[in-house]
Amino acid sequence: MKIKYKNTVDDLIELNFYLNTKLKNRRVKNYFLKYGYMLIILLISIWYFKYNYEDKYIFLIIVTILCLLWLVLLPIIVKMELRHRLKDKDSNNKYLYSETILKLKNDKIVILKNDNKSELSFKGISNIIIYKKRIFIFKENFNIFAIVPVKVFLNDSEKNKFLNTIKGNLC
C-alpha cells in the first residue's frame, strides 16, 4: 500500500496537543498553566475580601468571569502562539512540509521524503493513535514516526485497510 501526503502546521499543532495530554511532565505544566493562574486570582480575591467588604459581589462576579474567560480562551491562545512559533521556526524547513510517500511493505513501513528514506519495522511501532482526523504512528517513548492525515484516504474502508495492515503485523 502506498500513500502520498503533505503535513501542515495544523498536523504538528494537533500532535503537540495530543502529547500534552499524554506525557506526564507536559500534563503537569498544562494543569499549572490552566488552573494555576485561576488559583492566583482566587488567592488575590480572598486577600481582597479580607480587607474590603463593600464590593464583594461585584468583585466575585468579575473574578468568575475572568476565570471562565481564561478557561475558554487559553486553548485558542496556545494554538495561535504555537502556530506562530512553528511558522517562524520551520518556514525554511523544506523537509518538514514536503511531500511524503509512505509505503507499507511486508515487515516494515518506509517513508520517502526529499530523497531521504526512513524505515521502521512493525515490531518497532509502539502505538498507533487516531486523533482529530490524523493518524499518529509512534516509535518507543512517544517518538513520532509519521503523522498521516485521514483526508488522504478516499474512504473509510481504505483507512481501515491501512490500519488493519499495520495492526495485523504488530506483536
N, C-alpha and C. Protein backbone atom coordinates (compact mmCIF):
# COMPACT_ATOMS: atom_id res chain seq x y z
N MET A 1 0.84 -1.17 0.00
CA MET A 1 0.00 0.00 0.00
C MET A 1 0.89 1.24 0.00
N LYS A 2 0.51 2.23 -0.77
CA LYS A 2 1.30 3.45 -0.93
C LYS A 2 0.39 4.66 -0.73
N ILE A 3 0.85 5.63 0.07
CA ILE A 3 0.08 6.83 0.36
C ILE A 3 0.97 8.05 0.15
N LYS A 4 0.42 9.09 -0.48
CA LYS A 4 1.13 10.37 -0.64
C LYS A 4 0.37 11.44 0.13
N TYR A 5 1.14 12.26 0.86
CA TYR A 5 0.52 13.35 1.62
C TYR A 5 1.57 14.40 1.96
N LYS A 6 1.09 15.56 2.42
CA LYS A 6 1.95 16.62 2.95
C LYS A 6 1.44 16.98 4.34
N ASN A 7 2.37 17.10 5.27
CA ASN A 7 1.99 17.55 6.60
C ASN A 7 1.89 19.07 6.62
N THR A 8 1.05 19.57 7.51
CA THR A 8 0.85 21.00 7.66
C THR A 8 1.17 21.42 9.09
N VAL A 9 1.13 22.71 9.32
CA VAL A 9 1.34 23.24 10.67
C VAL A 9 0.26 22.71 11.60
N ASP A 10 -0.97 22.59 11.10
CA ASP A 10 -2.06 22.08 11.94
C ASP A 10 -1.81 20.65 12.40
N ASP A 11 -1.17 19.85 11.57
CA ASP A 11 -0.83 18.48 11.97
C ASP A 11 0.12 18.50 13.17
N LEU A 12 1.10 19.38 13.12
CA LEU A 12 2.07 19.47 14.22
C LEU A 12 1.42 20.04 15.49
N ILE A 13 0.49 20.96 15.31
CA ILE A 13 -0.21 21.52 16.47
C ILE A 13 -1.04 20.44 17.15
N GLU A 14 -1.75 19.64 16.37
CA GLU A 14 -2.56 18.57 16.97
C GLU A 14 -1.69 17.51 17.62
N LEU A 15 -0.53 17.23 17.05
CA LEU A 15 0.42 16.31 17.69
C LEU A 15 0.84 16.87 19.05
N ASN A 16 1.14 18.16 19.08
CA ASN A 16 1.54 18.80 20.33
C ASN A 16 0.43 18.72 21.37
N PHE A 17 -0.82 18.99 20.97
CA PHE A 17 -1.94 18.92 21.90
C PHE A 17 -2.13 17.49 22.40
N TYR A 18 -1.97 16.51 21.53
CA TYR A 18 -2.10 15.11 21.95
C TYR A 18 -1.01 14.75 22.97
N LEU A 19 0.22 15.11 22.65
CA LEU A 19 1.32 14.79 23.57
C LEU A 19 1.17 15.52 24.90
N ASN A 20 0.61 16.72 24.88
CA ASN A 20 0.38 17.45 26.13
C ASN A 20 -0.60 16.73 27.04
N THR A 21 -1.51 15.97 26.47
CA THR A 21 -2.46 15.24 27.31
C THR A 21 -1.90 13.90 27.78
N LYS A 22 -0.90 13.36 27.09
CA LYS A 22 -0.42 12.02 27.40
C LYS A 22 0.88 11.98 28.20
N LEU A 23 1.77 12.91 27.97
CA LEU A 23 3.06 12.88 28.66
C LEU A 23 2.95 13.56 30.02
N LYS A 24 3.44 12.90 31.06
CA LYS A 24 3.23 13.36 32.43
C LYS A 24 3.84 14.74 32.67
N ASN A 25 5.08 14.97 32.24
CA ASN A 25 5.71 16.26 32.51
C ASN A 25 4.98 17.40 31.80
N ARG A 26 4.45 17.15 30.62
CA ARG A 26 3.69 18.18 29.91
C ARG A 26 2.32 18.38 30.55
N ARG A 27 1.74 17.31 31.06
CA ARG A 27 0.42 17.40 31.68
C ARG A 27 0.48 18.27 32.93
N VAL A 28 1.53 18.12 33.74
CA VAL A 28 1.68 18.93 34.94
C VAL A 28 1.82 20.40 34.57
N LYS A 29 2.61 20.68 33.55
CA LYS A 29 2.79 22.06 33.08
C LYS A 29 1.46 22.64 32.61
N ASN A 30 0.69 21.85 31.88
CA ASN A 30 -0.60 22.34 31.38
C ASN A 30 -1.59 22.58 32.51
N TYR A 31 -1.61 21.69 33.51
CA TYR A 31 -2.50 21.91 34.64
C TYR A 31 -2.14 23.20 35.37
N PHE A 32 -0.85 23.44 35.54
CA PHE A 32 -0.45 24.67 36.20
C PHE A 32 -0.84 25.88 35.36
N LEU A 33 -0.60 25.80 34.06
CA LEU A 33 -0.95 26.91 33.18
C LEU A 33 -2.45 27.17 33.20
N LYS A 34 -3.22 26.09 33.20
CA LYS A 34 -4.67 26.24 33.13
C LYS A 34 -5.28 26.64 34.47
N TYR A 35 -4.86 25.98 35.54
CA TYR A 35 -5.51 26.19 36.83
C TYR A 35 -4.68 27.01 37.80
N GLY A 36 -3.39 27.11 37.59
CA GLY A 36 -2.54 27.88 38.49
C GLY A 36 -2.88 29.36 38.49
N TYR A 37 -3.12 29.90 37.32
CA TYR A 37 -3.48 31.32 37.24
C TYR A 37 -4.84 31.57 37.89
N MET A 38 -5.75 30.63 37.74
CA MET A 38 -7.05 30.78 38.41
C MET A 38 -6.88 30.73 39.92
N LEU A 39 -5.98 29.89 40.41
CA LEU A 39 -5.71 29.81 41.83
C LEU A 39 -5.12 31.13 42.34
N ILE A 40 -4.23 31.72 41.56
CA ILE A 40 -3.65 33.01 41.94
C ILE A 40 -4.73 34.07 42.01
N ILE A 41 -5.63 34.10 41.03
CA ILE A 41 -6.74 35.06 41.05
C ILE A 41 -7.63 34.82 42.27
N LEU A 42 -7.87 33.56 42.59
CA LEU A 42 -8.68 33.23 43.75
C LEU A 42 -8.01 33.69 45.04
N LEU A 43 -6.71 33.47 45.18
CA LEU A 43 -5.99 33.91 46.38
C LEU A 43 -6.00 35.43 46.51
N ILE A 44 -5.85 36.12 45.39
CA ILE A 44 -5.90 37.58 45.42
C ILE A 44 -7.29 38.05 45.83
N SER A 45 -8.31 37.38 45.33
CA SER A 45 -9.68 37.78 45.70
C SER A 45 -9.96 37.51 47.17
N ILE A 46 -9.45 36.41 47.71
CA ILE A 46 -9.63 36.12 49.14
C ILE A 46 -8.92 37.19 49.97
N TRP A 47 -7.72 37.53 49.56
CA TRP A 47 -6.98 38.59 50.26
C TRP A 47 -7.75 39.91 50.19
N TYR A 48 -8.33 40.19 49.03
CA TYR A 48 -9.09 41.43 48.85
C TYR A 48 -10.33 41.42 49.74
N PHE A 49 -11.04 40.30 49.81
CA PHE A 49 -12.24 40.22 50.64
C PHE A 49 -11.91 40.39 52.12
N LYS A 50 -10.74 40.00 52.50
CA LYS A 50 -10.34 40.09 53.90
C LYS A 50 -10.30 41.55 54.36
N TYR A 51 -9.93 42.46 53.46
CA TYR A 51 -9.77 43.86 53.84
C TYR A 51 -10.86 44.77 53.27
N ASN A 52 -11.69 44.30 52.38
CA ASN A 52 -12.68 45.16 51.76
C ASN A 52 -14.00 44.39 51.67
N TYR A 53 -15.01 44.85 52.40
CA TYR A 53 -16.29 44.15 52.42
C TYR A 53 -17.36 44.81 51.55
N GLU A 54 -17.08 45.96 51.00
CA GLU A 54 -18.12 46.73 50.31
C GLU A 54 -18.52 46.15 48.96
N ASP A 55 -17.57 45.88 48.09
CA ASP A 55 -17.86 45.46 46.71
C ASP A 55 -17.64 43.96 46.51
N LYS A 56 -18.02 43.19 47.50
CA LYS A 56 -17.76 41.76 47.47
C LYS A 56 -18.40 41.06 46.27
N TYR A 57 -19.64 41.31 46.01
CA TYR A 57 -20.36 40.59 44.96
C TYR A 57 -19.91 41.01 43.57
N ILE A 58 -19.67 42.27 43.39
CA ILE A 58 -19.18 42.74 42.09
C ILE A 58 -17.81 42.14 41.80
N PHE A 59 -16.96 42.14 42.81
CA PHE A 59 -15.62 41.59 42.62
C PHE A 59 -15.70 40.08 42.36
N LEU A 60 -16.58 39.39 43.04
CA LEU A 60 -16.76 37.95 42.84
C LEU A 60 -17.24 37.65 41.42
N ILE A 61 -18.14 38.45 40.90
CA ILE A 61 -18.63 38.28 39.53
C ILE A 61 -17.49 38.51 38.54
N ILE A 62 -16.70 39.54 38.77
CA ILE A 62 -15.57 39.84 37.87
C ILE A 62 -14.56 38.70 37.89
N VAL A 63 -14.25 38.18 39.07
CA VAL A 63 -13.29 37.07 39.19
C VAL A 63 -13.83 35.83 38.48
N THR A 64 -15.11 35.53 38.63
CA THR A 64 -15.72 34.38 37.96
C THR A 64 -15.66 34.53 36.45
N ILE A 65 -15.97 35.71 35.95
CA ILE A 65 -15.91 35.96 34.51
C ILE A 65 -14.49 35.82 34.00
N LEU A 66 -13.52 36.35 34.74
CA LEU A 66 -12.11 36.22 34.33
C LEU A 66 -11.68 34.76 34.28
N CYS A 67 -12.08 33.98 35.26
CA CYS A 67 -11.71 32.55 35.28
C CYS A 67 -12.34 31.80 34.11
N LEU A 68 -13.60 32.07 33.83
CA LEU A 68 -14.26 31.41 32.70
C LEU A 68 -13.65 31.82 31.37
N LEU A 69 -13.34 33.10 31.23
CA LEU A 69 -12.67 33.56 30.01
C LEU A 69 -11.32 32.88 29.85
N TRP A 70 -10.60 32.73 30.94
CA TRP A 70 -9.29 32.08 30.88
C TRP A 70 -9.42 30.64 30.40
N LEU A 71 -10.40 29.91 30.93
CA LEU A 71 -10.59 28.52 30.53
C LEU A 71 -10.99 28.39 29.07
N VAL A 72 -11.78 29.33 28.58
CA VAL A 72 -12.25 29.26 27.19
C VAL A 72 -11.17 29.73 26.22
N LEU A 73 -10.49 30.81 26.57
CA LEU A 73 -9.54 31.42 25.63
C LEU A 73 -8.16 30.78 25.65
N LEU A 74 -7.80 30.09 26.72
CA LEU A 74 -6.45 29.51 26.81
C LEU A 74 -6.11 28.58 25.66
N PRO A 75 -6.96 27.60 25.29
CA PRO A 75 -6.60 26.74 24.15
C PRO A 75 -6.44 27.52 22.85
N ILE A 76 -7.27 28.53 22.65
CA ILE A 76 -7.17 29.34 21.43
C ILE A 76 -5.86 30.12 21.42
N ILE A 77 -5.50 30.69 22.55
CA ILE A 77 -4.25 31.45 22.64
C ILE A 77 -3.05 30.54 22.42
N VAL A 78 -3.08 29.35 23.03
CA VAL A 78 -1.97 28.41 22.88
C VAL A 78 -1.82 27.98 21.43
N LYS A 79 -2.94 27.69 20.75
CA LYS A 79 -2.87 27.30 19.33
C LYS A 79 -2.32 28.42 18.47
N MET A 80 -2.76 29.65 18.72
CA MET A 80 -2.26 30.78 17.93
C MET A 80 -0.76 30.98 18.15
N GLU A 81 -0.34 30.89 19.40
CA GLU A 81 1.08 31.08 19.72
C GLU A 81 1.92 29.96 19.11
N LEU A 82 1.43 28.74 19.18
CA LEU A 82 2.16 27.60 18.63
C LEU A 82 2.23 27.68 17.11
N ARG A 83 1.13 28.07 16.48
CA ARG A 83 1.12 28.23 15.02
C ARG A 83 2.13 29.30 14.59
N HIS A 84 2.16 30.40 15.32
CA HIS A 84 3.10 31.47 15.01
C HIS A 84 4.55 30.99 15.17
N ARG A 85 4.81 30.27 16.27
CA ARG A 85 6.16 29.76 16.52
C ARG A 85 6.59 28.76 15.46
N LEU A 86 5.68 27.86 15.07
CA LEU A 86 6.02 26.85 14.06
C LEU A 86 6.24 27.48 12.69
N LYS A 87 5.45 28.48 12.35
CA LYS A 87 5.63 29.14 11.05
C LYS A 87 6.95 29.90 11.01
N ASP A 88 7.29 30.57 12.10
CA ASP A 88 8.56 31.32 12.14
C ASP A 88 9.75 30.38 12.14
N LYS A 89 9.69 29.38 13.00
CA LYS A 89 10.84 28.49 13.18
C LYS A 89 11.05 27.57 11.99
N ASP A 90 9.98 27.03 11.46
CA ASP A 90 10.10 25.98 10.45
C ASP A 90 9.70 26.42 9.05
N SER A 91 9.62 27.72 8.81
CA SER A 91 9.20 28.17 7.48
C SER A 91 10.22 27.80 6.41
N ASN A 92 11.48 27.72 6.78
CA ASN A 92 12.53 27.35 5.83
C ASN A 92 12.80 25.85 5.80
N ASN A 93 12.10 25.10 6.62
CA ASN A 93 12.32 23.66 6.71
C ASN A 93 11.56 22.95 5.58
N LYS A 94 12.23 22.73 4.49
CA LYS A 94 11.61 22.09 3.33
C LYS A 94 11.26 20.63 3.63
N TYR A 95 12.05 20.00 4.49
CA TYR A 95 11.84 18.58 4.79
C TYR A 95 10.52 18.36 5.53
N LEU A 96 10.22 19.22 6.47
CA LEU A 96 9.06 19.03 7.34
C LEU A 96 7.74 19.07 6.58
N TYR A 97 7.63 19.99 5.62
CA TYR A 97 6.36 20.19 4.92
C TYR A 97 6.39 19.69 3.48
N SER A 98 7.37 18.91 3.12
CA SER A 98 7.44 18.41 1.74
C SER A 98 6.54 17.18 1.58
N GLU A 99 6.35 16.79 0.33
CA GLU A 99 5.50 15.64 0.05
C GLU A 99 6.13 14.37 0.61
N THR A 100 5.30 13.58 1.25
CA THR A 100 5.74 12.34 1.88
C THR A 100 5.08 11.17 1.18
N ILE A 101 5.87 10.14 0.92
CA ILE A 101 5.33 8.89 0.38
C ILE A 101 5.55 7.82 1.44
N LEU A 102 4.45 7.25 1.91
CA LEU A 102 4.52 6.21 2.93
C LEU A 102 4.12 4.90 2.28
N LYS A 103 4.98 3.90 2.42
CA LYS A 103 4.72 2.58 1.84
C LYS A 103 4.66 1.54 2.94
N LEU A 104 3.66 0.70 2.88
CA LEU A 104 3.58 -0.44 3.78
C LEU A 104 4.12 -1.65 3.04
N LYS A 105 5.18 -2.21 3.58
CA LYS A 105 5.75 -3.42 3.00
C LYS A 105 5.43 -4.59 3.92
N ASN A 106 5.95 -5.76 3.61
CA ASN A 106 5.61 -6.96 4.38
C ASN A 106 5.98 -6.87 5.85
N ASP A 107 7.14 -6.31 6.15
CA ASP A 107 7.61 -6.31 7.52
C ASP A 107 7.97 -4.93 8.05
N LYS A 108 7.69 -3.88 7.29
CA LYS A 108 8.10 -2.54 7.73
C LYS A 108 7.29 -1.45 7.03
N ILE A 109 7.45 -0.25 7.58
CA ILE A 109 6.90 0.96 6.97
C ILE A 109 8.08 1.75 6.43
N VAL A 110 7.95 2.23 5.21
CA VAL A 110 9.02 3.02 4.58
C VAL A 110 8.45 4.40 4.27
N ILE A 111 9.19 5.44 4.66
CA ILE A 111 8.81 6.81 4.34
C ILE A 111 9.88 7.40 3.44
N LEU A 112 9.43 7.93 2.30
CA LEU A 112 10.31 8.61 1.36
C LEU A 112 9.95 10.09 1.37
N LYS A 113 10.97 10.92 1.60
CA LYS A 113 10.75 12.36 1.68
C LYS A 113 12.02 13.06 1.25
N ASN A 114 11.96 13.85 0.20
CA ASN A 114 13.12 14.60 -0.30
C ASN A 114 14.35 13.71 -0.50
N ASP A 115 14.19 12.63 -1.15
CA ASP A 115 15.27 11.68 -1.43
C ASP A 115 15.85 11.06 -0.17
N ASN A 116 15.19 11.20 0.96
CA ASN A 116 15.59 10.53 2.19
C ASN A 116 14.65 9.36 2.43
N LYS A 117 15.19 8.31 2.99
CA LYS A 117 14.40 7.11 3.23
C LYS A 117 14.49 6.74 4.70
N SER A 118 13.32 6.61 5.34
CA SER A 118 13.25 6.18 6.74
C SER A 118 12.46 4.89 6.79
N GLU A 119 12.94 3.96 7.58
CA GLU A 119 12.26 2.67 7.72
C GLU A 119 11.99 2.38 9.18
N LEU A 120 10.88 1.73 9.42
CA LEU A 120 10.53 1.29 10.76
C LEU A 120 9.85 -0.06 10.64
N SER A 121 10.42 -1.05 11.31
CA SER A 121 9.79 -2.37 11.27
C SER A 121 8.50 -2.32 12.10
N PHE A 122 7.59 -3.20 11.78
CA PHE A 122 6.33 -3.22 12.51
C PHE A 122 6.56 -3.51 13.99
N LYS A 123 7.62 -4.24 14.31
CA LYS A 123 7.95 -4.53 15.70
C LYS A 123 8.40 -3.27 16.44
N GLY A 124 8.90 -2.28 15.71
CA GLY A 124 9.37 -1.03 16.32
C GLY A 124 8.26 -0.04 16.61
N ILE A 125 7.06 -0.33 16.16
CA ILE A 125 5.93 0.57 16.41
C ILE A 125 5.40 0.32 17.82
N SER A 126 5.33 1.38 18.60
CA SER A 126 4.81 1.23 19.96
C SER A 126 3.33 1.54 20.05
N ASN A 127 2.84 2.43 19.17
CA ASN A 127 1.45 2.82 19.28
C ASN A 127 0.96 3.46 17.99
N ILE A 128 -0.32 3.27 17.70
CA ILE A 128 -0.99 3.94 16.58
C ILE A 128 -2.23 4.61 17.16
N ILE A 129 -2.32 5.91 16.97
CA ILE A 129 -3.41 6.68 17.55
C ILE A 129 -4.14 7.43 16.44
N ILE A 130 -5.47 7.39 16.47
CA ILE A 130 -6.27 8.25 15.59
C ILE A 130 -6.76 9.40 16.47
N TYR A 131 -6.36 10.61 16.11
CA TYR A 131 -6.66 11.78 16.92
C TYR A 131 -7.01 12.95 16.00
N LYS A 132 -8.23 13.40 16.06
CA LYS A 132 -8.70 14.56 15.31
C LYS A 132 -8.30 14.53 13.84
N LYS A 133 -8.73 13.52 13.15
CA LYS A 133 -8.52 13.37 11.70
C LYS A 133 -7.06 13.20 11.31
N ARG A 134 -6.27 12.64 12.23
CA ARG A 134 -4.88 12.34 11.95
C ARG A 134 -4.53 10.99 12.57
N ILE A 135 -3.63 10.28 11.91
CA ILE A 135 -3.13 9.01 12.44
C ILE A 135 -1.69 9.23 12.85
N PHE A 136 -1.41 9.05 14.13
CA PHE A 136 -0.05 9.19 14.65
C PHE A 136 0.55 7.79 14.78
N ILE A 137 1.71 7.60 14.19
CA ILE A 137 2.44 6.33 14.32
C ILE A 137 3.67 6.63 15.17
N PHE A 138 3.72 6.01 16.35
CA PHE A 138 4.79 6.27 17.31
C PHE A 138 5.78 5.13 17.36
N LYS A 139 7.05 5.52 17.52
CA LYS A 139 8.07 4.56 17.92
C LYS A 139 8.05 4.52 19.44
N GLU A 140 9.04 3.91 20.06
CA GLU A 140 9.07 3.84 21.51
C GLU A 140 9.24 5.23 22.12
N ASN A 141 8.77 5.38 23.37
CA ASN A 141 8.86 6.61 24.15
C ASN A 141 8.19 7.80 23.48
N PHE A 142 7.09 7.58 22.81
CA PHE A 142 6.31 8.62 22.15
C PHE A 142 7.12 9.43 21.14
N ASN A 143 8.10 8.82 20.52
CA ASN A 143 8.79 9.47 19.40
C ASN A 143 7.94 9.26 18.15
N ILE A 144 7.62 10.34 17.49
CA ILE A 144 6.72 10.25 16.34
C ILE A 144 7.49 9.75 15.12
N PHE A 145 6.89 8.84 14.39
CA PHE A 145 7.47 8.37 13.14
C PHE A 145 6.73 8.97 11.96
N ALA A 146 5.40 9.02 12.04
CA ALA A 146 4.62 9.57 10.93
C ALA A 146 3.33 10.17 11.44
N ILE A 147 2.92 11.26 10.79
CA ILE A 147 1.61 11.86 11.00
C ILE A 147 0.89 11.76 9.66
N VAL A 148 -0.12 10.92 9.61
CA VAL A 148 -0.84 10.70 8.36
C VAL A 148 -2.22 11.36 8.47
N PRO A 149 -2.49 12.38 7.66
CA PRO A 149 -3.83 12.97 7.67
C PRO A 149 -4.85 11.98 7.13
N VAL A 150 -5.98 11.87 7.79
CA VAL A 150 -7.02 10.93 7.38
C VAL A 150 -7.60 11.31 6.02
N LYS A 151 -7.54 12.59 5.67
CA LYS A 151 -8.12 13.04 4.40
C LYS A 151 -7.43 12.47 3.16
N VAL A 152 -6.24 11.85 3.32
CA VAL A 152 -5.57 11.26 2.16
C VAL A 152 -6.24 9.96 1.70
N PHE A 153 -7.02 9.37 2.58
CA PHE A 153 -7.73 8.15 2.22
C PHE A 153 -9.02 8.52 1.50
N LEU A 154 -9.34 7.76 0.47
CA LEU A 154 -10.54 8.06 -0.31
C LEU A 154 -11.82 7.77 0.46
N ASN A 155 -11.78 6.75 1.31
CA ASN A 155 -12.97 6.40 2.09
C ASN A 155 -12.53 5.67 3.37
N ASP A 156 -13.51 5.34 4.19
CA ASP A 156 -13.21 4.67 5.46
C ASP A 156 -12.65 3.27 5.27
N SER A 157 -13.06 2.59 4.23
CA SER A 157 -12.56 1.23 4.03
C SER A 157 -11.07 1.24 3.70
N GLU A 158 -10.62 2.25 2.96
CA GLU A 158 -9.19 2.36 2.66
C GLU A 158 -8.40 2.69 3.93
N LYS A 159 -8.95 3.57 4.76
CA LYS A 159 -8.31 3.91 6.03
C LYS A 159 -8.24 2.68 6.93
N ASN A 160 -9.34 1.94 7.01
CA ASN A 160 -9.37 0.74 7.85
C ASN A 160 -8.42 -0.33 7.33
N LYS A 161 -8.29 -0.44 6.03
CA LYS A 161 -7.34 -1.39 5.45
C LYS A 161 -5.91 -1.03 5.85
N PHE A 162 -5.60 0.27 5.80
CA PHE A 162 -4.28 0.76 6.21
C PHE A 162 -4.01 0.42 7.68
N LEU A 163 -4.98 0.75 8.54
CA LEU A 163 -4.81 0.50 9.97
C LEU A 163 -4.74 -0.99 10.28
N ASN A 164 -5.57 -1.78 9.63
CA ASN A 164 -5.56 -3.23 9.87
C ASN A 164 -4.27 -3.88 9.39
N THR A 165 -3.70 -3.35 8.31
CA THR A 165 -2.42 -3.89 7.84
C THR A 165 -1.34 -3.67 8.88
N ILE A 166 -1.32 -2.48 9.46
CA ILE A 166 -0.30 -2.19 10.49
C ILE A 166 -0.59 -2.99 11.75
N LYS A 167 -1.83 -2.93 12.23
CA LYS A 167 -2.17 -3.62 13.48
C LYS A 167 -2.03 -5.13 13.36
N GLY A 168 -2.26 -5.66 12.18
CA GLY A 168 -2.12 -7.10 11.97
C GLY A 168 -0.68 -7.57 12.05
N ASN A 169 0.26 -6.67 11.77
CA ASN A 169 1.68 -7.04 11.81
C ASN A 169 2.36 -6.68 13.12
N LEU A 170 1.65 -6.00 14.02
CA LEU A 170 2.24 -5.67 15.32
C LEU A 170 2.33 -6.91 16.19
N CYS A 171 3.28 -6.91 17.08
CA CYS A 171 3.43 -8.05 18.00
C CYS A 171 2.49 -7.93 19.17
